[in-house]
Amino acid sequence: MVQSQAPQSLSIGKLATAGGVGVETIRFYQRRGLLETPSRGDGMRRYGSDDVRRLRFIRQAQAAGFTLEEIKELLDLDASEDRSRARELANARVKALDARILELQRARDALRRLAKECGSGGAGPCPILTSFED
């Protein structure tokens, strides 16, 4: 996933576009050790398809809720092929997502109930508005 001998042909701007991020995000990831900083061959740093794949992996892992530190560990684990630790990190993230989903479902159910109460036409302020006062 992370490294091969792919030709280096993209500027940092094109890498950013291919990964759906800004140039400063690329530089930030480089400072954090998530992306390598290539040497300047012709006065400009060049990136390849492996860099695009790595950048997309980082973005997908972030979308799944992994922290940058966890993403760095996953990338390092890929190089060492430590599947048990990668599985452990994934299972911990699933557990955290399940807890968040439960929390969001409870919030949704409470809001549905309040919306129904508000629509009942009773006297006084809408229950939705008064529920946020607690």
C-alpha atoms as a PDB file:
ATOM      1  CA  MET A   1       0.000   0.000   0.000  1.00  0.00           C
ATOM      2  CA  VAL A   2       2.656   2.484   0.979  1.00  0.00           C
ATOM      3  CA  GLN A   3       5.796   2.232  -1.152  1.00  0.00           C
ATOM      4  CA  SER A   4       6.922   1.039  -4.566  1.00  0.00           C
ATOM      5  CA  GLN A   5       9.047   2.249  -7.453  1.00  0.00           C
ATOM      6  CA  ALA A   6       6.295   4.318  -9.134  1.00  0.00           C
ATOM      7  CA  PRO A   7       7.516   7.262 -11.216  1.00  0.00           C
ATOM      8  CA  GLN A   8       7.556  10.606  -9.424  1.00  0.00           C
ATOM      9  CA  SER A   9       5.701  13.101 -11.618  1.00  0.00           C
ATOM     10  CA  LEU A  10       3.265  15.182  -9.553  1.00  0.00           C
ATOM     11  CA  SER A  11       3.943  18.590  -8.086  1.00  0.00           C
ATOM     12  CA  ILE A  12       2.743  19.204  -4.537  1.00  0.00           C
ATOM     13  CA  GLY A  13      -0.238  21.108  -5.935  1.00  0.00           C
ATOM     14  CA  LYS A  14      -1.254  18.191  -8.151  1.00  0.00           C
ATOM     15  CA  LEU A  15      -0.786  15.760  -5.275  1.00  0.00           C
ATOM     16  CA  ALA A  16      -3.039  17.942  -3.122  1.00  0.00           C
ATOM     17  CA  THR A  17      -5.695  18.046  -5.848  1.00  0.00           C
ATOM     18  CA  ALA A  18      -5.504  14.282  -6.384  1.00  0.00           C
ATOM     19  CA  GLY A  19      -5.931  13.728  -2.645  1.00  0.00           C
ATOM     20  CA  GLY A  20      -8.696  16.297  -2.220  1.00  0.00           C
ATOM     21  CA  VAL A  21      -6.699  18.443   0.227  1.00  0.00           C
ATOM     22  CA  GLY A  22      -4.792  21.705   0.230  1.00  0.00           C
ATOM     23  CA  VAL A  23      -1.041  22.103  -0.185  1.00  0.00           C
ATOM     24  CA  GLU A  24      -0.708  23.132   3.463  1.00  0.00           C
ATOM     25  CA  THR A  25      -2.355  19.843   4.479  1.00  0.00           C
ATOM     26  CA  ILE A  26       0.336  17.977   2.530  1.00  0.00           C
ATOM     27  CA  ARG A  27       3.028  19.952   4.344  1.00  0.00           C
ATOM     28  CA  PHE A  28       1.311  19.348   7.685  1.00  0.00           C
ATOM     29  CA  TYR A  29       1.231  15.583   7.034  1.00  0.00           C
ATOM     30  CA  GLN A  30       4.913  15.715   6.089  1.00  0.00           C
ATOM     31  CA  ARG A  31       5.804  17.481   9.355  1.00  0.00           C
ATOM     32  CA  ARG A  32       3.828  14.814  11.257  1.00  0.00           C
ATOM     33  CA  GLY A  33       5.666  12.007   9.463  1.00  0.00           C
ATOM     34  CA  LEU A  34       2.608  10.725   7.616  1.00  0.00           C
ATOM     35  CA  LEU A  35       3.943  11.595   4.167  1.00  0.00           C
ATOM     36  CA  GLU A  36       7.557  11.639   3.052  1.00  0.00           C
ATOM     37  CA  THR A  37       9.140  14.805   1.714  1.00  0.00           C
ATOM     38  CA  PRO A  38      10.917  13.910  -1.523  1.00  0.00           C
ATOM     39  CA  SER A  39      14.204  15.540  -2.444  1.00  0.00           C
ATOM     40  CA  ARG A  40      14.276  18.273  -5.049  1.00  0.00           C
ATOM     41  CA  GLY A  41      15.382  16.604  -8.261  1.00  0.00           C
ATOM     42  CA  ASP A  42      14.909  19.401 -10.784  1.00  0.00           C
ATOM     43  CA  GLY A  43      14.381  22.187  -8.283  1.00  0.00           C
ATOM     44  CA  MET A  44      10.885  20.904  -7.481  1.00  0.00           C
ATOM     45  CA  ARG A  45       9.704  18.083  -5.262  1.00  0.00           C
ATOM     46  CA  ARG A  46       7.923  15.351  -7.219  1.00  0.00           C
ATOM     47  CA  TYR A  47       5.346  12.891  -5.937  1.00  0.00           C
ATOM     48  CA  GLY A  48       4.034   9.651  -7.389  1.00  0.00           C
ATOM     49  CA  SER A  49       1.011   7.386  -7.349  1.00  0.00           C
ATOM     50  CA  ASP A  50       2.129   5.791  -4.068  1.00  0.00           C
ATOM     51  CA  ASP A  51       1.984   9.213  -2.439  1.00  0.00           C
ATOM     52  CA  VAL A  52      -1.552   9.685  -3.777  1.00  0.00           C
ATOM     53  CA  ARG A  53      -2.591   6.283  -2.376  1.00  0.00           C
ATOM     54  CA  ARG A  54      -1.023   7.068   0.987  1.00  0.00           C
ATOM     55  CA  LEU A  55      -2.721  10.480   1.095  1.00  0.00           C
ATOM     56  CA  ARG A  56      -6.093   8.923   0.269  1.00  0.00           C
ATOM     57  CA  PHE A  57      -5.547   6.295   2.963  1.00  0.00           C
ATOM     58  CA  ILE A  58      -4.860   9.047   5.494  1.00  0.00           C
ATOM     59  CA  ARG A  59      -8.050  10.867   4.521  1.00  0.00           C
ATOM     60  CA  GLN A  60     -10.154   7.684   4.671  1.00  0.00           C
ATOM     61  CA  ALA A  61      -8.699   6.750   8.047  1.00  0.00           C
ATOM     62  CA  GLN A  62      -9.501  10.238   9.341  1.00  0.00           C
ATOM     63  CA  ALA A  63     -13.064   9.882   8.062  1.00  0.00           C
ATOM     64  CA  ALA A  64     -13.294   6.635  10.047  1.00  0.00           C
ATOM     65  CA  GLY A  65     -12.290   8.586  13.138  1.00  0.00           C
ATOM     66  CA  PHE A  66      -8.677   7.537  13.554  1.00  0.00           C
ATOM     67  CA  THR A  67      -6.376  10.149  15.074  1.00  0.00           C
ATOM     68  CA  LEU A  68      -3.248  11.206  13.209  1.00  0.00           C
ATOM     69  CA  GLU A  69      -1.167   9.291  15.745  1.00  0.00           C
ATOM     70  CA  GLU A  70      -3.207   6.129  15.096  1.00  0.00           C
ATOM     71  CA  ILE A  71      -2.909   6.664  11.339  1.00  0.00           C
ATOM     72  CA  LYS A  72       0.866   6.986  11.676  1.00  0.00           C
ATOM     73  CA  GLU A  73       0.902   3.738  13.639  1.00  0.00           C
ATOM     74  CA  LEU A  74      -1.245   2.010  10.991  1.00  0.00           C
ATOM     75  CA  LEU A  75       1.114   3.170   8.255  1.00  0.00           C
ATOM     76  CA  ASP A  76       4.102   1.942  10.247  1.00  0.00           C
ATOM     77  CA  LEU A  77       2.323  -1.365  10.884  1.00  0.00           C
ATOM     78  CA  ASP A  78       1.732  -1.768   7.160  1.00  0.00           C
ATOM     79  CA  ALA A  79       5.492  -1.725   6.633  1.00  0.00           C
ATOM     80  CA  SER A  80       6.005  -4.333   9.364  1.00  0.00           C
ATOM     81  CA  GLU A  81       2.892  -6.357   8.478  1.00  0.00           C
ATOM     82  CA  ASP A  82       1.791  -6.478  12.140  1.00  0.00           C
ATOM     83  CA  ARG A  83      -1.786  -7.532  11.471  1.00  0.00           C
ATOM     84  CA  SER A  84      -2.706  -8.196  15.097  1.00  0.00           C
ATOM     85  CA  ARG A  85      -1.972  -4.600  16.157  1.00  0.00           C
ATOM     86  CA  ALA A  86      -3.749  -3.206  13.082  1.00  0.00           C
ATOM     87  CA  ARG A  87      -6.781  -5.364  13.933  1.00  0.00           C
ATOM     88  CA  GLU A  88      -6.616  -4.169  17.553  1.00  0.00           C
ATOM     89  CA  LEU A  89      -6.653  -0.525  16.422  1.00  0.00           C
ATOM     90  CA  ALA A  90      -9.545  -1.182  14.050  1.00  0.00           C
ATOM     91  CA  ASN A  91     -11.578  -2.965  16.730  1.00  0.00           C
ATOM     92  CA  ALA A  92     -11.020  -0.092  19.160  1.00  0.00           C
ATOM     93  CA  ARG A  93     -12.196   2.381  16.501  1.00  0.00           C
ATOM     94  CA  VAL A  94     -15.305   0.238  15.818  1.00  0.00           C
ATOM     95  CA  LYS A  95     -16.100   0.241  19.541  1.00  0.00           C
ATOM     96  CA  ALA A  96     -15.759   4.029  19.689  1.00  0.00           C
ATOM     97  CA  LEU A  97     -17.937   4.429  16.594  1.00  0.00           C
ATOM     98  CA  ASP A  98     -20.589   2.144  18.073  1.00  0.00           C
ATOM     99  CA  ALA A  99     -20.673   4.302  21.216  1.00  0.00           C
ATOM    100  CA  ARG A 100     -21.001   7.453  19.110  1.00  0.00           C
ATOM    101  CA  ILE A 101     -23.761   5.902  17.012  1.00  0.00           C
ATOM    102  CA  LEU A 102     -25.677   4.995  20.184  1.00  0.00           C
ATOM    103  CA  GLU A 103     -25.270   8.549  21.452  1.00  0.00           C
ATOM    104  CA  LEU A 104     -26.526   9.985  18.142  1.00  0.00           C
ATOM    105  CA  GLN A 105     -29.480   7.586  18.052  1.00  0.00           C
ATOM    106  CA  ARG A 106     -30.495   8.703  21.546  1.00  0.00           C
ATOM    107  CA  ALA A 107     -30.233  12.348  20.512  1.00  0.00           C
ATOM    108  CA  ARG A 108     -32.323  11.650  17.397  1.00  0.00           C
ATOM    109  CA  ASP A 109     -34.998   9.833  19.404  1.00  0.00           C
ATOM    110  CA  ALA A 110     -35.180  12.658  21.956  1.00  0.00           C
ATOM    111  CA  LEU A 111     -35.485  15.252  19.193  1.00  0.00           C
ATOM    112  CA  ARG A 112     -38.237  13.258  17.462  1.00  0.00           C
ATOM    113  CA  ARG A 113     -40.150  13.083  20.750  1.00  0.00           C
ATOM    114  CA  LEU A 114     -39.741  16.809  21.319  1.00  0.00           C
ATOM    115  CA  ALA A 115     -40.830  17.609  17.760  1.00  0.00           C
ATOM    116  CA  LYS A 116     -43.950  15.502  18.233  1.00  0.00           C
ATOM    117  CA  GLU A 117     -44.715  17.252  21.535  1.00  0.00           C
ATOM    118  CA  CYS A 118     -44.133  20.637  19.926  1.00  0.00           C
ATOM    119  CA  GLY A 119     -46.519  19.764  17.105  1.00  0.00           C
ATOM    120  CA  SER A 120     -49.273  18.678  19.475  1.00  0.00           C
ATOM    121  CA  GLY A 121     -50.502  22.274  19.699  1.00  0.00           C
ATOM    122  CA  GLY A 122     -50.456  22.521  23.478  1.00  0.00           C
ATOM    123  CA  ALA A 123     -50.240  25.856  25.262  1.00  0.00           C
ATOM    124  CA  GLY A 124     -46.938  27.418  26.271  1.00  0.00           C
ATOM    125  CA  PRO A 125     -43.517  27.426  24.681  1.00  0.00           C
ATOM    126  CA  CYS A 126     -42.454  24.683  22.345  1.00  0.00           C
ATOM    127  CA  PRO A 127     -40.796  21.776  24.231  1.00  0.00           C
ATOM    128  CA  ILE A 128     -37.879  21.863  21.792  1.00  0.00           C
ATOM    129  CA  LEU A 129     -36.965  25.364  22.899  1.00  0.00           C
ATOM    130  CA  THR A 130     -37.426  24.728  26.624  1.00  0.00           C
ATOM    131  CA  SER A 131     -35.448  21.446  26.546  1.00  0.00           C
ATOM    132  CA  PHE A 132     -32.216  23.322  25.879  1.00  0.00           C
ATOM    133  CA  GLU A 133     -32.614  25.377  29.039  1.00  0.00           C
ATOM    134  CA  ASP A 134     -31.752  22.430  31.312  1.00  0.00           C
END
